[in-house]
Protein backbone atom coordinates (compact mmCIF):
# COMPACT_ATOMS: atom_id res chain seq x y z
CA MET A 1 32.51 3.66 -11.60
CA HIS A 2 31.77 7.13 -10.28
CA LYS A 3 31.69 8.06 -6.60
CA ARG A 4 30.33 11.09 -4.78
CA GLY A 5 32.63 14.06 -4.45
CA GLU A 6 34.08 15.86 -1.46
CA ALA A 7 32.15 16.41 1.75
CA GLY A 8 30.65 19.77 0.79
CA THR A 9 29.40 18.43 -2.51
CA SER A 10 27.86 15.38 -0.89
CA MET A 11 25.89 17.56 1.51
CA ILE A 12 24.53 19.68 -1.32
CA VAL A 13 23.50 16.53 -3.15
CA ARG A 14 21.80 15.38 0.03
CA VAL A 15 19.35 18.26 -0.02
CA ARG A 16 18.77 18.24 -3.78
CA ALA A 17 15.13 17.22 -3.21
CA GLU A 18 14.67 20.42 -1.25
CA LEU A 19 16.64 22.83 -3.39
CA ALA A 20 16.52 22.21 -7.12
CA THR A 21 18.46 25.08 -8.71
CA PRO A 22 18.37 26.06 -12.40
CA ARG A 23 22.00 25.00 -12.66
CA SER A 24 21.28 21.51 -11.29
CA ARG A 25 18.31 21.17 -13.61
CA LYS A 26 20.49 22.16 -16.55
CA THR A 27 23.08 19.59 -15.54
CA ALA A 28 20.39 16.93 -15.28
CA ARG A 29 19.03 17.78 -18.72
CA ASN A 30 22.50 17.68 -20.26
CA THR A 31 23.30 14.26 -18.77
CA MET A 32 19.92 12.67 -19.49
CA PRO A 33 20.08 10.48 -22.64
CA SER A 34 18.21 11.83 -25.63
CA ASP A 35 14.97 10.24 -26.79
CA ALA A 36 16.69 9.03 -29.95
CA ALA A 37 19.52 7.44 -27.96
CA ILE A 38 17.09 5.70 -25.63
CA GLU A 39 15.03 4.33 -28.50
CA GLN A 40 18.14 3.15 -30.33
CA ARG A 41 19.42 1.23 -27.31
CA ALA A 42 16.05 -0.42 -26.77
CA ALA A 43 15.31 -1.21 -30.40
CA ASN A 44 16.68 -4.76 -30.33
CA ASN A 45 15.01 -5.76 -27.07
CA PRO A 46 11.36 -6.89 -27.32
CA ASP A 47 10.89 -6.24 -23.61
CA ASN A 48 11.53 -2.52 -24.11
CA PRO A 49 8.85 -1.25 -26.54
CA PRO A 50 9.25 2.29 -27.91
CA LEU A 51 7.80 5.04 -25.74
CA THR A 52 4.68 6.78 -26.98
CA ALA A 53 4.47 10.57 -27.23
CA ALA A 54 2.46 10.69 -24.01
CA GLN A 55 5.01 8.53 -22.19
CA LEU A 56 7.89 10.68 -23.40
CA ALA A 57 6.04 13.74 -22.13
CA SER A 58 5.65 12.06 -18.75
CA ARG A 59 9.38 11.40 -18.62
CA HIS A 60 10.06 15.00 -19.56
CA LEU A 61 7.92 16.11 -16.63
CA LEU A 62 10.61 14.65 -14.38
CA ARG A 63 13.51 15.70 -16.58
CA ASP A 64 12.40 19.24 -17.39
CA ALA A 65 10.52 20.18 -14.22
CA PRO A 66 10.87 23.87 -13.32
CA PRO A 67 13.45 24.88 -10.68
CA LYS A 68 10.96 24.94 -7.79
CA VAL A 69 12.31 25.38 -4.28
CA LEU A 70 10.73 22.79 -2.03
CA TYR A 71 10.68 22.70 1.73
CA ARG A 72 10.76 19.58 3.85
CA SER A 73 10.48 19.66 7.63
CA VAL A 74 13.34 18.16 9.61
CA GLY A 75 12.43 14.62 10.56
CA THR A 76 9.94 14.14 7.75
CA THR A 77 10.60 12.91 4.25
CA HIS A 78 7.43 13.50 2.28
CA ALA A 79 8.89 15.84 -0.28
CA GLY A 80 10.70 15.00 -3.46
CA PRO A 81 10.82 15.94 -7.13
CA CYS A 82 7.34 16.56 -8.53
CA THR A 83 5.81 17.03 -5.09
CA ALA A 84 3.14 19.59 -4.29
CA VAL A 85 4.30 20.58 -0.81
CA ALA A 86 4.61 24.06 0.62
CA ALA A 87 7.26 26.26 -0.99
CA ALA A 88 9.60 28.33 1.17
CA PRO A 89 11.52 31.48 0.24
CA ARG A 90 14.97 30.70 -1.11
CA GLY A 91 16.77 32.64 1.63
CA GLN A 92 14.83 30.89 4.38
CA LEU A 93 15.48 27.55 2.77
CA MET A 94 19.20 28.17 2.38
CA GLN A 95 19.43 29.08 6.08
CA HIS A 96 17.65 25.82 6.88
CA VAL A 97 19.92 23.89 4.54
CA MET A 98 23.11 25.44 5.91
CA SER A 99 22.11 24.69 9.51
CA ARG A 100 21.57 21.06 8.53
CA MET A 101 24.89 21.01 6.66
CA ASN A 102 26.78 22.25 9.73
CA LEU A 103 25.34 19.45 11.82
CA LEU A 104 25.70 16.79 9.17
CA GLY A 105 29.18 17.90 8.21
CA LEU A 106 30.60 15.96 11.18
CA LEU A 107 29.43 12.79 9.48
CA ALA A 108 30.22 13.77 5.93
CA GLY A 109 32.14 11.13 4.01
CA LEU A 110 30.84 8.25 6.10
CA LEU A 111 27.34 8.14 4.60
CA LEU A 112 26.47 5.02 6.57
CA PRO A 113 22.72 5.60 6.88
CA ALA A 114 21.08 5.06 10.25
CA TYR A 115 18.12 3.41 8.61
CA ALA A 116 16.67 -0.04 8.19
CA ALA A 117 18.96 -2.73 6.86
CA HIS A 118 17.84 -5.35 4.43
CA THR A 119 15.63 -8.28 5.41
CA GLN A 120 15.20 -10.03 2.09
CA GLY A 121 17.82 -12.73 1.65
CA ALA A 122 20.53 -13.74 4.10
CA ASN A 123 19.51 -11.38 6.93
CA ALA A 124 15.79 -12.10 6.77
CA SER A 125 14.25 -12.59 10.20
CA VAL A 126 12.16 -15.69 10.80
CA ALA A 127 8.42 -15.02 10.60
CA ARG A 128 6.22 -16.93 13.03
CA GLY A 129 3.85 -19.28 11.28
CA SER A 130 5.68 -19.01 7.99
CA PRO A 131 4.83 -21.53 5.28
CA THR A 132 7.38 -24.28 4.72
CA ALA A 133 8.02 -26.98 2.16
CA GLU A 134 5.86 -29.27 4.33
CA ARG A 135 3.10 -26.70 4.99
CA LEU A 136 2.20 -24.71 1.89
CA PRO A 137 0.69 -21.21 2.03
CA ILE A 138 -2.92 -20.22 1.55
CA TYR A 139 -2.83 -16.59 0.45
CA VAL A 140 -5.85 -14.31 0.04
CA VAL A 141 -5.69 -10.82 -1.41
CA ASP A 142 -6.23 -7.80 0.85
CA PRO A 143 -8.77 -5.61 -1.03
CA THR A 144 -8.19 -2.64 1.32
CA TRP A 145 -4.57 -2.13 0.31
CA PRO A 146 -2.87 0.11 -0.71
CA PRO A 147 -4.33 3.43 0.43
CA THR A 148 -4.46 6.27 -2.08
CA LEU A 149 -1.22 8.24 -2.42
CA PRO A 150 -1.24 11.92 -1.35
CA ASN A 151 -0.62 14.92 -3.63
CA ASP A 152 -2.76 13.40 -6.41
CA TRP A 153 0.15 11.08 -7.17
CA THR A 154 -0.14 7.85 -9.09
CA TRP A 155 2.44 5.23 -9.95
CA GLY A 156 3.24 3.60 -13.27
CA ASP A 157 4.80 0.23 -14.05
CA ILE A 158 5.94 -1.40 -10.81
CA ARG A 159 9.61 -2.03 -11.48
CA GLY A 160 10.85 -3.13 -8.07
CA LEU A 161 9.65 -4.05 -4.54
CA PHE A 162 11.64 -4.46 -1.33
CA VAL A 163 10.61 -4.89 2.33
CA ASP A 164 13.00 -3.55 5.00
CA ASP A 165 13.32 -4.63 8.64
CA ARG A 166 10.55 -2.24 9.73
CA ASP A 167 8.21 -3.92 7.25
CA HIS A 168 8.29 -0.75 5.17
CA LEU A 169 7.67 -1.40 1.51
CA TRP A 170 10.06 0.24 -0.95
CA ILE A 171 8.79 0.71 -4.48
CA ILE A 172 10.48 1.82 -7.65
CA HIS A 173 8.14 2.55 -10.51
CA MET A 174 8.45 3.98 -14.01
CA PRO A 175 6.73 7.38 -14.30
CA SER A 176 7.30 7.45 -18.07
CA SER A 177 4.89 4.52 -18.48
CA LEU A 178 1.92 6.67 -17.43
CA THR A 179 -0.47 7.92 -20.11
CA ASP A 180 -2.25 11.27 -20.44
CA GLN A 181 -5.43 9.65 -19.20
CA GLU A 182 -3.68 8.67 -15.99
CA ILE A 183 -1.84 11.96 -15.37
CA GLY A 184 -4.21 14.45 -16.96
CA ALA A 185 -3.31 17.20 -14.49
CA ALA A 186 0.34 16.94 -15.54
CA SER A 187 -0.38 17.38 -19.24
CA LYS A 188 0.46 20.67 -20.92
CA PRO A 189 -2.17 22.09 -20.90
CA PRO A 190 -3.92 19.98 -18.24
CA ILE A 191 -6.75 17.84 -19.53
CA ALA A 192 -8.08 16.84 -16.09
CA ASP A 193 -7.87 17.88 -12.44
CA CYS A 194 -5.88 14.77 -11.50
CA CYS A 195 -3.26 13.22 -11.41
CA PHE A 196 0.55 13.60 -11.31
CA PRO A 197 3.32 10.98 -11.60
CA ALA A 198 4.74 10.10 -8.19
CA PRO A 199 8.51 10.36 -7.74
CA PRO A 200 10.18 7.10 -8.84
CA VAL A 201 11.19 5.88 -5.35
CA ILE A 202 8.44 5.50 -2.76
CA GLU A 203 8.58 4.24 0.82
CA LEU A 204 5.35 3.13 2.52
CA ASP A 205 4.98 2.00 6.12
CA ALA A 206 3.34 -1.30 7.04
CA ASN A 207 -0.10 0.34 6.88
CA GLY A 208 0.53 1.74 3.42
CA LYS A 209 1.08 5.34 4.58
CA LEU A 210 3.61 7.37 2.62
CA VAL A 211 6.88 7.82 4.48
CA GLN A 212 8.89 9.50 1.73
CA ALA A 213 9.29 9.73 -2.02
CA TRP A 214 12.27 10.86 -4.07
CA GLY A 215 14.24 10.24 -7.25
CA GLY A 216 14.61 11.72 -10.69
CA PRO A 217 17.33 13.83 -12.29
CA GLY A 218 19.84 15.59 -10.06
CA ALA A 219 23.34 17.01 -10.03
CA GLY A 220 26.22 14.58 -10.35
CA TYR A 221 24.47 11.56 -11.82
CA THR A 222 22.31 10.42 -14.74
CA TRP A 223 18.85 9.26 -13.78
CA PHE A 224 17.23 6.32 -15.57
CA SER A 225 14.66 6.54 -18.36
CA GLN A 226 13.31 3.07 -17.46
CA GLU A 227 13.81 2.38 -13.77
CA HIS A 228 14.14 -1.27 -12.73
CA GLY A 229 14.92 -3.09 -9.48
CA ILE A 230 15.39 -1.84 -5.92
CA TYR A 231 17.39 -3.42 -3.11
CA ILE A 232 18.50 -2.26 0.36
CA ASP A 233 21.73 -3.82 1.57
CA HIS A 234 22.93 -4.67 5.10
CA HIS A 235 24.38 -1.17 5.51
CA GLY A 236 21.08 0.41 4.51
CA PHE A 237 22.13 1.63 1.06
CA VAL A 238 19.59 1.61 -1.76
CA TRP A 239 20.53 0.05 -5.11
CA MET A 240 18.61 0.66 -8.34
CA GLY A 241 19.02 -0.20 -12.01
CA THR A 242 17.41 0.16 -15.41
CA SER A 243 15.93 -2.16 -18.01
CA ASN A 244 17.12 -0.21 -21.06
CA GLY A 245 20.21 1.49 -19.66
CA MET A 246 23.76 0.67 -18.74
CA HIS A 247 24.31 1.61 -15.11
CA VAL A 248 23.39 0.95 -11.48
CA MET A 249 23.22 3.64 -8.82
CA LYS A 250 23.65 3.58 -5.06
CA PHE A 251 21.87 6.03 -2.75
CA THR A 252 21.23 6.51 0.94
CA GLN A 253 17.66 6.05 2.04
CA ASP A 254 16.93 9.76 2.01
CA GLY A 255 17.98 10.04 -1.64
CA THR A 256 21.62 11.08 -1.27
CA TYR A 257 23.59 9.94 -4.29
CA VAL A 258 26.64 7.78 -3.47
CA MET A 259 27.96 5.91 -6.49
CA THR A 260 27.40 4.73 -10.06
CA ILE A 261 28.60 1.40 -11.48
CA GLY A 262 28.70 1.22 -15.25
CA GLU A 263 28.59 4.11 -17.70
CA PRO A 264 25.25 5.64 -18.73
CA GLY A 265 24.59 4.99 -22.40
CA VAL A 266 27.61 2.73 -22.97
CA ASN A 267 27.38 -1.05 -23.37
CA LYS A 268 30.44 -3.16 -24.20
CA GLY A 269 28.93 -6.62 -24.03
CA SER A 270 28.59 -9.44 -21.54
CA ASN A 271 32.31 -9.94 -20.93
CA ASP A 272 33.28 -6.37 -20.12
CA SER A 273 34.22 -5.85 -16.47
CA THR A 274 33.27 -2.19 -16.03
CA HIS A 275 30.15 -1.67 -18.16
CA LEU A 276 26.62 -3.02 -17.78
CA GLY A 277 23.66 -3.78 -20.00
CA GLY A 278 20.13 -3.72 -18.60
CA PRO A 279 20.82 -4.43 -14.90
CA ALA A 280 17.52 -5.76 -13.56
CA ASN A 281 17.81 -6.94 -9.94
CA PHE A 282 20.34 -7.12 -7.09
CA TYR A 283 21.56 -8.91 -4.00
CA VAL A 284 24.33 -7.91 -1.56
CA GLU A 285 25.92 -10.69 0.48
CA PRO A 286 26.47 -9.43 4.06
CA LYS A 287 29.47 -11.69 4.76
CA THR A 288 31.53 -10.43 1.83
CA ASN A 289 29.82 -7.13 0.95
CA GLU A 290 29.63 -8.33 -2.64
CA LEU A 291 26.98 -6.92 -4.97
CA PHE A 292 25.43 -9.47 -7.34
CA ILE A 293 23.61 -8.04 -10.36
CA ALA A 294 21.28 -9.81 -12.77
CA ASP A 295 22.72 -7.96 -15.75
CA GLY A 296 20.28 -9.40 -18.20
CA TYR A 297 18.00 -7.14 -20.22
CA ILE A 298 20.80 -6.45 -22.70
CA ASN A 299 23.74 -8.51 -21.40
CA LYS A 300 23.47 -12.22 -20.51
CA ARG A 301 25.14 -12.70 -17.15
CA VAL A 302 25.47 -12.40 -13.40
CA ILE A 303 28.18 -9.89 -12.51
CA VAL A 304 29.71 -9.24 -9.08
CA PHE A 305 31.23 -6.05 -7.66
CA ASP A 306 32.52 -4.85 -4.31
CA ALA A 307 29.54 -2.96 -2.88
CA THR A 308 31.72 -0.28 -1.28
CA THR A 309 34.30 0.46 -3.97
CA GLY A 310 32.50 -0.76 -7.08
CA ALA A 311 35.53 -2.88 -8.00
CA TYR A 312 34.84 -5.76 -10.39
CA LYS A 313 35.06 -9.27 -8.90
CA ARG A 314 33.76 -11.85 -11.43
CA HIS A 315 30.93 -12.74 -13.80
CA TRP A 316 29.33 -15.74 -15.42
CA GLY A 317 26.58 -16.73 -17.82
CA ALA A 318 24.20 -19.69 -18.00
CA TYR A 319 25.55 -22.85 -16.35
CA GLY A 320 28.42 -20.80 -14.94
CA LYS A 321 30.05 -20.52 -18.36
CA ARG A 322 31.42 -17.53 -20.21
CA PRO A 323 28.52 -15.62 -21.80
CA ASP A 324 28.39 -15.36 -25.59
CA ASP A 325 26.45 -12.41 -27.03
CA SER A 326 26.58 -13.84 -30.55
CA VAL A 327 24.17 -16.66 -29.67
CA ARG A 328 20.54 -15.99 -30.63
CA TYR A 329 17.89 -17.47 -28.40
CA SER A 330 15.42 -19.78 -30.16
CA TYR A 331 11.83 -20.58 -29.19
CA PRO A 332 10.12 -22.63 -28.02
CA VAL A 333 12.57 -23.70 -25.33
CA LYS A 334 13.67 -27.32 -25.76
CA THR A 335 14.37 -28.81 -22.34
CA ALA A 336 16.13 -31.82 -23.87
CA SER A 337 18.74 -29.51 -25.36
CA PRO A 338 18.46 -26.37 -23.22
CA PRO A 339 19.87 -23.02 -24.37
CA GLN A 340 23.45 -22.50 -23.27
CA GLN A 341 23.02 -18.73 -22.96
CA TYR A 342 20.50 -16.60 -21.11
CA SER A 343 17.71 -14.82 -22.90
CA THR A 344 16.61 -12.20 -20.32
CA LEU A 345 18.28 -12.69 -16.95
CA HIS A 346 15.77 -10.91 -14.71
CA GLY A 347 15.32 -12.25 -11.16
CA LEU A 348 17.96 -12.83 -8.50
CA VAL A 349 17.82 -13.72 -4.79
CA GLY A 350 20.43 -14.82 -2.27
CA THR A 351 19.84 -17.10 0.72
CA LYS A 352 21.18 -17.72 4.22
CA ASP A 353 23.11 -20.79 3.12
CA GLY A 354 25.18 -18.81 0.63
CA LEU A 355 23.34 -19.83 -2.55
CA LEU A 356 22.17 -17.67 -5.42
CA TYR A 357 19.00 -18.26 -7.46
CA VAL A 358 18.45 -16.50 -10.78
CA SER A 359 15.54 -16.51 -13.20
CA ASP A 360 15.95 -16.37 -16.98
CA ARG A 361 12.68 -14.70 -17.88
CA ARG A 362 12.21 -15.55 -21.54
CA GLY A 363 14.23 -18.72 -20.98
CA ASN A 364 11.41 -19.97 -18.68
CA ARG A 365 13.83 -21.29 -16.07
CA ILE A 366 15.48 -20.91 -12.70
CA GLN A 367 19.17 -21.69 -12.18
CA LEU A 368 20.95 -22.25 -8.87
CA PHE A 369 24.58 -21.32 -8.17
CA ARG A 370 27.10 -21.03 -5.44
CA GLN A 371 28.30 -17.47 -5.06
CA ASN A 372 31.55 -18.28 -6.86
CA GLY A 373 29.55 -19.05 -10.03
CA GLU A 374 29.49 -22.83 -9.68
CA PHE A 375 26.33 -24.15 -11.33
CA LEU A 376 24.24 -26.60 -9.26
CA MET A 377 20.86 -27.19 -10.92
CA GLU A 378 18.02 -25.70 -12.96
CA ARG A 379 14.26 -26.01 -13.30
CA PHE A 380 12.11 -25.04 -16.29
CA ILE A 381 8.74 -23.49 -15.50
CA ARG A 382 6.18 -23.91 -18.28
CA PRO A 383 8.94 -24.10 -20.92
CA GLN A 384 6.42 -23.72 -23.76
CA THR A 385 5.57 -20.21 -22.52
CA GLY A 386 6.05 -17.56 -25.22
CA GLY A 387 5.94 -13.79 -25.08
CA SER A 388 7.97 -12.46 -22.17
CA GLY A 389 8.39 -15.89 -20.59
CA SER A 390 7.66 -17.28 -17.14
CA GLY A 391 10.84 -16.51 -15.18
CA PHE A 392 10.22 -13.01 -13.84
CA SER A 393 11.25 -12.43 -10.19
CA LEU A 394 12.15 -14.53 -7.14
CA GLN A 395 11.67 -14.44 -3.37
CA VAL A 396 12.18 -16.93 -0.52
CA SER A 397 9.89 -17.83 2.37
CA ARG A 398 10.47 -16.46 5.87
CA ASP A 399 10.82 -19.77 7.73
CA ALA A 400 14.15 -20.60 9.36
CA GLU A 401 15.28 -22.79 6.48
CA GLN A 402 13.90 -20.52 3.75
CA SER A 403 12.50 -23.76 2.40
CA LEU A 404 10.23 -22.26 -0.28
CA LEU A 405 11.15 -20.33 -3.40
CA TYR A 406 8.51 -18.12 -4.99
CA LEU A 407 8.63 -17.25 -8.69
CA ILE A 408 6.32 -14.60 -10.10
CA ASP A 409 5.31 -15.27 -13.71
CA GLY A 410 4.09 -12.30 -15.74
CA THR A 411 2.98 -14.20 -18.83
CA ASN A 412 0.93 -17.02 -17.30
CA GLN A 413 0.07 -14.58 -14.45
CA ARG A 414 0.90 -16.93 -11.58
CA VAL A 415 2.95 -17.15 -8.42
CA TRP A 416 4.77 -20.50 -8.53
CA ILE A 417 5.79 -22.17 -5.26
CA LEU A 418 8.87 -24.38 -5.36
CA ARG A 419 10.78 -26.42 -2.80
CA ARG A 420 14.03 -24.54 -2.63
CA LYS A 421 16.41 -27.43 -2.02
CA ASP A 422 15.58 -29.28 -5.26
CA LEU A 423 13.43 -26.75 -7.18
CA ALA A 424 10.47 -29.14 -7.22
CA ILE A 425 7.23 -27.37 -8.14
CA LEU A 426 4.74 -27.72 -5.28
CA ASP A 427 1.86 -25.33 -5.98
CA ARG A 428 0.83 -22.06 -7.62
CA PHE A 429 -1.84 -19.38 -7.30
CA GLY A 430 -3.16 -16.44 -9.30
CA ARG A 431 -4.73 -16.10 -12.73
CA PRO A 432 -4.92 -13.49 -15.51
CA GLY A 433 -7.42 -10.69 -15.02
CA ARG A 434 -8.07 -7.18 -13.74
CA GLN A 435 -10.03 -8.03 -10.61
CA SER A 436 -8.67 -8.15 -7.09
CA GLY A 437 -6.45 -11.20 -6.73
CA GLU A 438 -5.74 -11.46 -10.46
CA PHE A 439 -2.73 -10.28 -12.43
CA ILE A 440 -1.90 -8.25 -15.50
CA ARG A 441 1.84 -8.43 -16.16
CA ALA A 442 2.84 -9.80 -12.74
CA HIS A 443 6.38 -8.55 -12.31
CA MET A 444 7.79 -8.22 -8.77
CA ILE A 445 7.37 -9.94 -5.39
CA ALA A 446 8.33 -9.23 -1.75
CA ILE A 447 7.40 -10.73 1.66
CA ASP A 448 7.42 -9.04 5.07
CA SER A 449 7.92 -10.36 8.62
CA LYS A 450 4.18 -11.02 9.02
CA ASN A 451 4.25 -13.24 5.92
CA ARG A 452 2.34 -10.63 3.95
CA MET A 453 3.20 -10.92 0.30
CA TYR A 454 3.38 -7.93 -2.05
CA THR A 455 3.10 -8.36 -5.81
CA GLY A 456 3.74 -5.62 -8.35
CA GLU A 457 2.39 -5.44 -11.89
CA ALA A 458 3.89 -3.67 -14.88
CA GLY A 459 2.51 -3.13 -18.40
CA ASN A 460 -1.20 -2.46 -18.32
CA GLY A 461 -1.45 -3.68 -14.72
CA ARG A 462 0.46 -0.91 -12.93
CA ARG A 463 -0.65 -1.84 -9.44
CA ILE A 464 0.54 -3.42 -6.20
CA GLN A 465 -1.49 -6.02 -4.34
CA ARG A 466 -1.01 -7.27 -0.81
CA TRP A 467 -1.73 -10.88 0.08
CA ILE A 468 -2.52 -12.08 3.61
CA LEU A 469 -1.46 -15.51 4.78
CA GLN A 470 -4.77 -17.11 5.74
CA GLY A 471 -3.19 -20.38 6.79
CA THR A 472 -1.19 -23.35 5.56
CA ARG A 473 -2.01 -26.84 4.35
CA PRO A 474 0.01 -30.05 4.16
CA ALA A 475 2.11 -30.28 1.02
CA SER A 476 1.04 -33.89 0.79
CA SER A 477 -2.56 -32.75 0.25
CA VAL A 478 -1.69 -30.64 -2.80
CA THR A 479 -1.36 -32.04 -6.31
CA PRO A 480 1.58 -30.21 -7.88
CA PRO A 481 0.69 -28.30 -11.05
CA THR A 482 2.15 -29.25 -14.41
CA PRO A 483 5.53 -27.56 -14.79
């Protein structure tokens, strides 16, 4: 675990999006894993295909960007690495930075952000008219959303979605997934007059307007080569991980680095207490301030840390047992003799009643636990599914009882609707395709306080769709689909 440094250092890190010096860029380049190291770590994982030359170049655009001095007005947060905002003279900027540092220095070391706390999970507010296990949702896609990003930005694979208590949508995407055709203006030399990769972390308001964007290499930490997962805890801190890497990072909502758990580039297996392996998604329990990680792209477990100190608490594998990395997963999944280890532990969501639901993506299943690791039940979803499996990401409904569990399935291209208390499959919607309301590599899911659902696509999809709750219908009128 690595924490931020002394107060002065933390303030300099805070304005790194505004002042990117040659020294900080050099530090970032030296701490970024090499292409060969990245490819070697991903070689044994079919969910992490090798990067193409164009994708590597896109990643280098973030890693090797020139030391441009960027200016961001106080009170606005539109700037970030790779932005095209107005540049200010270095002296003027330093005066601006120092004046902010003097004011912020009184709060240095606390870093408790005065921003929105989390609303997905235990602290989720009840949404009026929310679907329930008795009244199932009727969702229709909103073809007007999202608006076009400014600065000729575009996003790549959608690697994480989160809705905060202002109904702002937080997105983490993977710029390195973009091709030359998509970011022709960023090619060297440019091959088109548009576009550029957006910074990895994007915040949109409820209307889809850009609030801020940040992320990428900086001083004091190692940025990810394949970003994955985003979560905002009850203190307002932002957690992010990586599908092919070995660490999780904690930031404030304006992009100030706080802490790293794990060690970049180092994996020691599923029973090591201080190292990670492909941490995919997160949940922080407000009552205990414990961070739960679906550490599952490389490792095969749920692991728990103290969200303030990063101290290890406990971990477990499938069925609450000790994980065993020597076991090879076999397909197709046999439900009569289910696998005793996880294949790709990917989704994770906590609930108001202190339970934890996880999805084993290529294992085609959901498992339910108490937060101490006690196994309660499981449900297979289309167990014959091949490829990347059916168990992608999870979310709960916004009724008082959180009575529905949603599973997004990026192989069958569906959103499955389950009764949370017994994991009975009630309904599903979606289908494969490129048109509005269809999915290509459905990957992430989030729901806001108006019951609007957001779905994110990776792979060749690379888009976000918003779904409007048109109404509900009695569960008794719906014939459940074949599991």
